[in-house]
Structure formats: C-alpha cells, structure tokens
Amino acid sequence: MVTPRTTRAAVLAVGGAFAAVTALCLPFLLTGTDVPTGAVVLGRWTAALASLVAVRSVLGPGHLARLWRLRPASPRELLASYGLALAVVVPAVALPAAVGVALGAGAAPASTWLAAVPVVVLGTLLLAVSTAGEEVLWRGQLQGAVALHGFWRTSSLVGGVWAAWHLPLHLTYLHQGALTAREALLTTVGLVAWAPLLAALVERRGTVWPAVFAHAVPVSSTQLLAAGSTADAATSWAVAVASWTTLLVAAALVRRRAPASADRQDGRPPQARQTRSRDDIARSTASLSTTRSTPAVGGR
C-alpha cells in the first residue's frame, strides 16, 4: 500500500543512493584511477544500503521483505524467475544483433557465440549477487512507491531515475576514456528502455527475482557483433534503436501475461492471493449470515 510514509521512505532512499554512488565515483573521477570491478559491485549495493537506512528510519523494522519484494524466495520460485529472465532477455539481446548483421555490421566469430552460452548460464547466477543490490530499490521499493501512476508512466519514471543514478559512473568512464560520448549516451538512454521490461518481469512473478536475473545477463547485443563493426555512428544508433524497440515490445508481451493489476502490487504468489480471496469471501458470507440471523434491538 502506498502511503505518505512509504513515499517519504522511497524519496529518502533515492537521495541516499545518489549521494552514495557519487561519493564512490568521485575519487576515481578526480584522480583518473580506473574503476575496479569491485567498486562497481559495491556501487550496486549502495542502492540497497540507502534503502535499508531509509526504511528503518521512516518505517521501522519489519518492512524490508515486503518493500523489496523478496518473497517468495523458494528454490522453485528462484528457478522459475531465472528461467523466465533468460527466456526473455536472450532473444531481446540476439534480435538487435541480427539487425546489426543485416545492416552489414558482421557477426562475431562462431566461437564467441558458443562461448556466450556458459557465460550467460553461469554468469547470470554469479552477477545476480551484485544486481540484487540495485533491483531491491529500483524495481522493489521505488516501483511500488509510484505504482499508482500506471505501469508505463511508473516504469519510465523509475527508469529515468535509475539512468540518472548511473551518471556518476558513466561520466567517470567518459572522463577516463573507457567510454566514448556516444557510448555513454546510448548506455544511459538504454537503461530507460530496459526499465519497463524489468518492471514487467516483476509484475509477472510478483517478486523482484526475475528482474535481478534479467539485469545480471552478462552479454549485450554489441558483444555478439564483430569487433569494431559498430564503430560508425549509423550502425551504433541502428543497433541501439533495435535494442530499445525489442525491449519495449518484450515488456508489453510479458505484461500481457502478468496477473491482474489489482493483484500484482503486494508481491505475493498467485496461490496466496487466491487463498486470501477465498478466505475473504468466506468471512464476508459468515458476516452476512450473522447479520441476517441477529434480531434488531427493540424490534417487535
């Protein structure tokens, strides 16, 4: 349920996340030191830390699992979320790469495509430990806090905030030469296009875990193309637009199969929602029967 207190906790969490990631990137930006992988992993978990502090400060203990949408987290649900994430994201990565090949970009060697299989299967599981730190705030707490504005407006808003949160890191990479200006722009805008699909996956399962796994898929469309084949601006933009379009279409398709909107905000599995609905009907029926059988006070 969205309340003024949950909204205040979300705003505080987002502000804390921005402050934390800026503080983390600033030394690398000022000194020109390369950003190590460990710092990126730590940076992702600054979002969860900011959310934890905000929730405990505003709402007190006992709210994290619900706001982060961590439940259900049974082995069966985790496996289903993992499978759904790969089933959706792998085609969404491969199709824009195919567009790039059709435009003359050239595919990477077959060995690269074959090597991508174990990287995707195992790398997704390993990187999920890192991406969980982001998703509990963006697709968990913040997505729920602004859910009353409708799916597309909500997911786009969260995507914009999420992309802005990456700016300190992207600017650091740009300053160090690790990214070109075009790559930094396409990467940042691409996050906004990613957001609806991640949100749709959460709606589909009622838990944040499919978004955690989808975010962790370690292969991009450009990695499936020949090295240097997307160096020209026209090809880069074409592959990027194809990728954004594919992600948005995938979000729409995933969302069509999600539970009814009234049921998908509380993070409970469909079975639990159905059980609650049956219980509510039983209580309502019992209450009605009691009311009918009780004579009115002072009645004749």
Protein backbone atom coordinates (compact mmCIF):
# COMPACT_ATOMS: atom_id res chain seq x y z
CA MET A 1 0.00 0.00 0.00
CA VAL A 2 1.28 3.45 -0.93
CA THR A 3 1.18 5.88 2.00
CA PRO A 4 2.87 9.21 2.72
CA ARG A 5 5.37 7.38 4.89
CA THR A 6 6.30 4.81 2.24
CA THR A 7 6.65 7.63 -0.28
CA ARG A 8 8.88 9.57 2.12
CA ALA A 9 10.99 6.46 2.68
CA ALA A 10 11.37 5.99 -1.09
CA VAL A 11 12.42 9.61 -1.64
CA LEU A 12 14.95 9.34 1.18
CA ALA A 13 16.28 6.07 -0.24
CA VAL A 14 16.75 7.53 -3.72
CA GLY A 15 18.52 10.59 -2.33
CA GLY A 16 20.81 8.42 -0.27
CA ALA A 17 21.58 6.19 -3.26
CA PHE A 18 22.56 9.21 -5.38
CA ALA A 19 24.77 10.57 -2.63
CA ALA A 20 26.45 7.20 -2.06
CA VAL A 21 27.23 6.44 -5.71
CA THR A 22 28.54 9.98 -6.24
CA ALA A 23 30.82 9.67 -3.23
CA LEU A 24 32.04 6.31 -4.53
CA CYS A 25 32.84 7.56 -8.06
CA LEU A 26 34.26 10.96 -7.16
CA PRO A 27 37.76 9.76 -6.11
CA PHE A 28 38.17 7.84 -9.40
CA LEU A 29 36.93 10.83 -11.39
CA LEU A 30 39.31 13.26 -9.67
CA THR A 31 42.38 11.03 -9.69
CA GLY A 32 41.88 9.38 -13.06
CA THR A 33 42.25 5.94 -11.47
CA ASP A 34 40.49 3.12 -13.30
CA VAL A 35 37.26 1.98 -11.65
CA PRO A 36 37.82 -1.60 -10.45
CA THR A 37 35.16 -4.28 -10.78
CA GLY A 38 34.83 -4.46 -7.03
CA ALA A 39 33.84 -0.80 -6.91
CA VAL A 40 31.06 -1.45 -9.43
CA VAL A 41 29.73 -4.31 -7.31
CA LEU A 42 29.93 -2.15 -4.21
CA GLY A 43 28.22 0.69 -6.05
CA ARG A 44 25.23 -1.51 -6.83
CA TRP A 45 24.81 -2.37 -3.18
CA THR A 46 24.86 1.30 -2.16
CA ALA A 47 21.29 1.39 -3.51
CA ALA A 48 20.22 -1.39 -1.15
CA LEU A 49 22.09 0.22 1.75
CA ALA A 50 20.38 3.56 1.15
CA SER A 51 17.03 1.81 1.00
CA LEU A 52 17.74 -0.10 4.21
CA VAL A 53 18.64 3.08 6.10
CA ALA A 54 15.60 4.94 4.76
CA VAL A 55 13.12 2.18 5.54
CA ARG A 56 14.45 1.63 9.05
CA SER A 57 14.48 5.39 9.73
CA VAL A 58 10.98 6.17 8.43
CA LEU A 59 9.02 2.92 8.81
CA GLY A 60 10.98 0.95 11.38
CA PRO A 61 11.91 -2.75 11.23
CA GLY A 62 9.83 -5.46 9.59
CA HIS A 63 9.11 -3.81 6.23
CA LEU A 64 12.10 -4.66 4.03
CA ALA A 65 10.95 -8.03 2.66
CA ARG A 66 7.63 -6.52 1.55
CA LEU A 67 9.03 -3.29 0.08
CA TRP A 68 11.93 -5.05 -1.62
CA ARG A 69 9.51 -7.71 -2.93
CA LEU A 70 11.86 -10.51 -1.93
CA ARG A 71 9.10 -13.06 -1.36
CA PRO A 72 8.51 -15.70 -2.43
CA ALA A 73 12.15 -16.79 -2.48
CA SER A 74 11.76 -20.57 -2.50
CA PRO A 75 14.10 -22.64 -4.70
CA ARG A 76 11.19 -23.27 -7.04
CA GLU A 77 10.46 -19.55 -7.43
CA LEU A 78 14.11 -18.67 -7.89
CA LEU A 79 14.44 -21.31 -10.61
CA ALA A 80 11.27 -20.09 -12.34
CA SER A 81 12.47 -16.48 -12.17
CA TYR A 82 15.87 -17.46 -13.54
CA GLY A 83 14.32 -19.38 -16.42
CA LEU A 84 11.89 -16.59 -17.25
CA ALA A 85 14.68 -13.99 -17.25
CA LEU A 86 16.82 -15.99 -19.69
CA ALA A 87 13.84 -16.85 -21.90
CA VAL A 88 13.01 -13.17 -22.28
CA VAL A 89 16.40 -11.46 -22.27
CA VAL A 90 18.38 -13.80 -24.56
CA PRO A 91 16.09 -13.19 -27.58
CA ALA A 92 15.99 -9.48 -26.69
CA VAL A 93 19.80 -9.44 -26.97
CA ALA A 94 20.07 -11.67 -30.06
CA LEU A 95 17.49 -9.88 -32.22
CA PRO A 96 19.21 -6.46 -32.27
CA ALA A 97 22.48 -8.26 -33.02
CA ALA A 98 20.76 -9.86 -36.01
CA VAL A 99 19.66 -6.40 -37.13
CA GLY A 100 23.27 -5.25 -36.91
CA VAL A 101 24.39 -8.19 -39.06
CA ALA A 102 21.67 -7.41 -41.61
CA LEU A 103 22.97 -3.85 -41.80
CA GLY A 104 26.43 -5.13 -42.60
CA ALA A 105 27.97 -4.91 -39.14
CA GLY A 106 29.13 -8.51 -39.31
CA ALA A 107 28.67 -11.18 -36.67
CA ALA A 108 31.31 -12.12 -34.17
CA PRO A 109 33.06 -15.44 -34.79
CA ALA A 110 31.07 -18.58 -34.02
CA SER A 111 33.43 -19.26 -31.14
CA THR A 112 32.27 -16.04 -29.50
CA TRP A 113 28.62 -17.05 -29.78
CA LEU A 114 29.37 -20.52 -28.40
CA ALA A 115 31.43 -19.06 -25.57
CA ALA A 116 28.50 -16.81 -24.70
CA VAL A 117 26.33 -19.79 -23.72
CA PRO A 118 28.13 -20.80 -20.49
CA VAL A 119 28.80 -17.12 -19.79
CA VAL A 120 25.07 -16.42 -19.86
CA VAL A 121 24.04 -19.55 -17.95
CA LEU A 122 26.63 -19.30 -15.15
CA GLY A 123 27.50 -15.61 -15.30
CA THR A 124 23.88 -14.62 -14.73
CA LEU A 125 23.81 -16.59 -11.48
CA LEU A 126 27.05 -15.03 -10.26
CA LEU A 127 26.20 -11.46 -11.24
CA ALA A 128 22.77 -11.74 -9.63
CA VAL A 129 24.52 -11.39 -6.29
CA SER A 130 25.54 -7.91 -7.46
CA THR A 131 22.42 -6.79 -9.35
CA ALA A 132 20.18 -7.68 -6.41
CA GLY A 133 21.63 -4.64 -4.67
CA GLU A 134 20.13 -2.37 -7.33
CA GLU A 135 16.86 -4.12 -8.04
CA VAL A 136 15.57 -4.15 -4.46
CA LEU A 137 15.48 -0.35 -4.59
CA TRP A 138 14.52 0.40 -8.20
CA ARG A 139 12.11 -2.42 -9.07
CA GLY A 140 11.28 -3.15 -5.45
CA GLN A 141 10.81 -0.14 -3.23
CA LEU A 142 10.63 2.72 -5.76
CA GLN A 143 8.47 0.86 -8.30
CA GLY A 144 5.97 0.12 -5.55
CA ALA A 145 6.04 3.67 -4.19
CA VAL A 146 4.92 5.21 -7.51
CA ALA A 147 2.80 2.31 -8.76
CA LEU A 148 -0.45 4.30 -8.62
CA HIS A 149 0.56 6.23 -11.76
CA GLY A 150 0.15 3.24 -14.09
CA PHE A 151 2.65 0.76 -15.46
CA TRP A 152 4.21 2.67 -18.36
CA ARG A 153 4.45 6.00 -16.57
CA THR A 154 5.76 4.32 -13.44
CA SER A 155 8.36 2.16 -15.16
CA SER A 156 9.52 5.09 -17.32
CA LEU A 157 9.83 7.32 -14.27
CA VAL A 158 11.80 4.69 -12.39
CA GLY A 159 13.90 4.10 -15.50
CA GLY A 160 14.74 7.79 -15.75
CA VAL A 161 15.79 7.96 -12.10
CA TRP A 162 17.72 4.72 -12.46
CA ALA A 163 19.56 6.04 -15.53
CA ALA A 164 20.37 9.30 -13.75
CA TRP A 165 21.77 7.30 -10.83
CA HIS A 166 24.30 5.76 -13.26
CA LEU A 167 25.53 9.13 -14.49
CA PRO A 168 28.39 9.50 -11.96
CA LEU A 169 29.81 6.17 -13.14
CA HIS A 170 29.23 6.87 -16.83
CA LEU A 171 30.81 10.31 -16.55
CA THR A 172 33.79 8.77 -14.81
CA TYR A 173 34.19 6.24 -17.62
CA LEU A 174 33.81 9.05 -20.17
CA HIS A 175 36.44 11.19 -18.46
CA GLN A 176 38.86 8.26 -18.34
CA GLY A 177 38.27 7.31 -21.98
CA ALA A 178 36.67 3.96 -21.16
CA LEU A 179 33.52 5.14 -22.96
CA THR A 180 33.11 7.49 -25.89
CA ALA A 181 30.48 10.22 -25.68
CA ARG A 182 28.20 8.23 -28.00
CA GLU A 183 28.63 5.04 -25.98
CA ALA A 184 27.90 6.88 -22.73
CA LEU A 185 24.76 8.41 -24.22
CA LEU A 186 23.48 5.14 -25.70
CA THR A 187 24.21 3.25 -22.49
CA THR A 188 22.38 5.79 -20.33
CA VAL A 189 19.33 6.01 -22.60
CA GLY A 190 19.33 2.24 -22.90
CA LEU A 191 18.68 1.95 -19.17
CA VAL A 192 15.40 3.83 -19.60
CA ALA A 193 14.39 1.33 -22.28
CA TRP A 194 15.40 -1.56 -20.01
CA ALA A 195 13.25 -0.42 -17.10
CA PRO A 196 9.77 -1.40 -18.41
CA LEU A 197 10.91 -4.95 -19.17
CA LEU A 198 12.41 -5.37 -15.71
CA ALA A 199 9.22 -3.96 -14.16
CA ALA A 200 7.06 -6.27 -16.30
CA LEU A 201 9.05 -9.29 -15.13
CA VAL A 202 8.43 -8.27 -11.52
CA GLU A 203 4.71 -7.94 -12.22
CA ARG A 204 4.67 -11.30 -13.96
CA ARG A 205 6.07 -13.22 -10.97
CA GLY A 206 5.07 -10.89 -8.13
CA THR A 207 8.65 -10.80 -6.88
CA VAL A 208 11.85 -8.89 -7.69
CA TRP A 209 13.90 -12.01 -8.52
CA PRO A 210 13.27 -12.20 -12.31
CA ALA A 211 14.44 -8.57 -12.61
CA VAL A 212 17.55 -9.46 -10.60
CA PHE A 213 18.41 -12.29 -13.01
CA ALA A 214 17.48 -10.35 -16.15
CA HIS A 215 19.67 -7.43 -15.07
CA ALA A 216 22.51 -9.90 -14.49
CA VAL A 217 22.63 -11.35 -18.03
CA PRO A 218 26.26 -10.52 -18.94
CA VAL A 219 26.03 -10.39 -22.75
CA SER A 220 24.91 -7.42 -24.85
CA SER A 221 23.89 -7.14 -28.49
CA THR A 222 27.09 -5.35 -29.49
CA GLN A 223 29.22 -8.13 -27.99
CA LEU A 224 27.67 -10.54 -30.50
CA LEU A 225 28.86 -8.39 -33.38
CA ALA A 226 32.33 -8.33 -34.91
CA ALA A 227 34.85 -6.18 -33.04
CA GLY A 228 34.77 -2.62 -34.34
CA SER A 229 31.78 -3.26 -36.60
CA THR A 230 29.61 -0.78 -34.67
CA ALA A 231 32.24 1.94 -34.62
CA ASP A 232 30.37 4.13 -37.09
CA ALA A 233 27.55 6.23 -35.71
CA ALA A 234 24.85 4.97 -38.08
CA THR A 235 25.34 1.32 -37.14
CA SER A 236 25.60 2.10 -33.43
CA TRP A 237 22.33 4.04 -33.46
CA ALA A 238 20.58 1.39 -35.57
CA VAL A 239 21.55 -1.42 -33.19
CA ALA A 240 20.62 0.73 -30.19
CA VAL A 241 17.19 1.64 -31.56
CA ALA A 242 16.56 -2.00 -32.47
CA SER A 243 17.55 -2.98 -28.93
CA TRP A 244 15.29 -0.38 -27.30
CA THR A 245 12.36 -1.38 -29.51
CA THR A 246 12.87 -5.06 -28.73
CA LEU A 247 12.98 -4.37 -25.00
CA LEU A 248 9.76 -2.33 -25.07
CA VAL A 249 7.94 -4.94 -27.16
CA ALA A 250 9.17 -7.66 -24.82
CA ALA A 251 7.88 -5.64 -21.85
CA ALA A 252 4.45 -5.35 -23.45
CA LEU A 253 4.32 -9.09 -24.20
CA VAL A 254 5.47 -10.10 -20.71
CA ARG A 255 2.98 -7.72 -19.12
CA ARG A 256 0.07 -9.18 -21.11
CA ARG A 257 0.60 -12.44 -19.25
CA ALA A 258 1.04 -10.83 -15.84
CA PRO A 259 -1.67 -11.21 -13.14
CA ALA A 260 -4.47 -8.66 -12.95
CA SER A 261 -3.27 -5.23 -11.85
CA ALA A 262 -5.19 -5.35 -8.58
CA ASP A 263 -3.26 -8.45 -7.55
CA ARG A 264 0.31 -7.74 -8.59
CA GLN A 265 1.34 -4.97 -6.23
CA ASP A 266 1.72 -6.91 -2.98
CA GLY A 267 4.47 -9.30 -4.05
CA ARG A 268 2.61 -12.46 -3.02
CA PRO A 269 2.42 -15.50 -5.29
CA PRO A 270 -0.83 -16.15 -7.18
CA GLN A 271 -1.67 -19.09 -4.90
CA ALA A 272 -1.50 -16.87 -1.82
CA ARG A 273 -3.68 -14.24 -3.46
CA GLN A 274 -6.25 -16.88 -4.41
CA THR A 275 -6.25 -18.29 -0.88
CA ARG A 276 -6.78 -14.83 0.55
CA SER A 277 -9.62 -14.18 -1.87
CA ARG A 278 -11.37 -17.40 -0.81
CA ASP A 279 -10.87 -16.51 2.85
CA ASP A 280 -12.25 -13.02 2.29
CA ILE A 281 -15.34 -14.45 0.58
CA ALA A 282 -15.87 -16.92 3.43
CA ARG A 283 -15.59 -14.18 6.07
CA SER A 284 -17.94 -11.93 4.15
CA THR A 285 -20.50 -14.72 3.80
CA ALA A 286 -20.28 -15.55 7.51
CA SER A 287 -20.66 -11.90 8.45
CA LEU A 288 -23.73 -11.54 6.24
CA SER A 289 -25.30 -14.67 7.72
CA THR A 290 -24.71 -13.40 11.26
CA THR A 291 -26.25 -10.04 10.41
CA ARG A 292 -29.37 -11.66 8.97
CA SER A 293 -29.82 -14.01 11.95
CA THR A 294 -29.44 -11.32 14.67
CA PRO A 295 -32.77 -9.64 15.60
CA ALA A 296 -32.81 -5.86 15.60
CA VAL A 297 -32.63 -4.19 19.01
CA GLY A 298 -36.08 -3.13 20.12
CA GLY A 299 -37.65 -4.99 17.23
CA ARG A 300 -41.16 -6.48 17.51
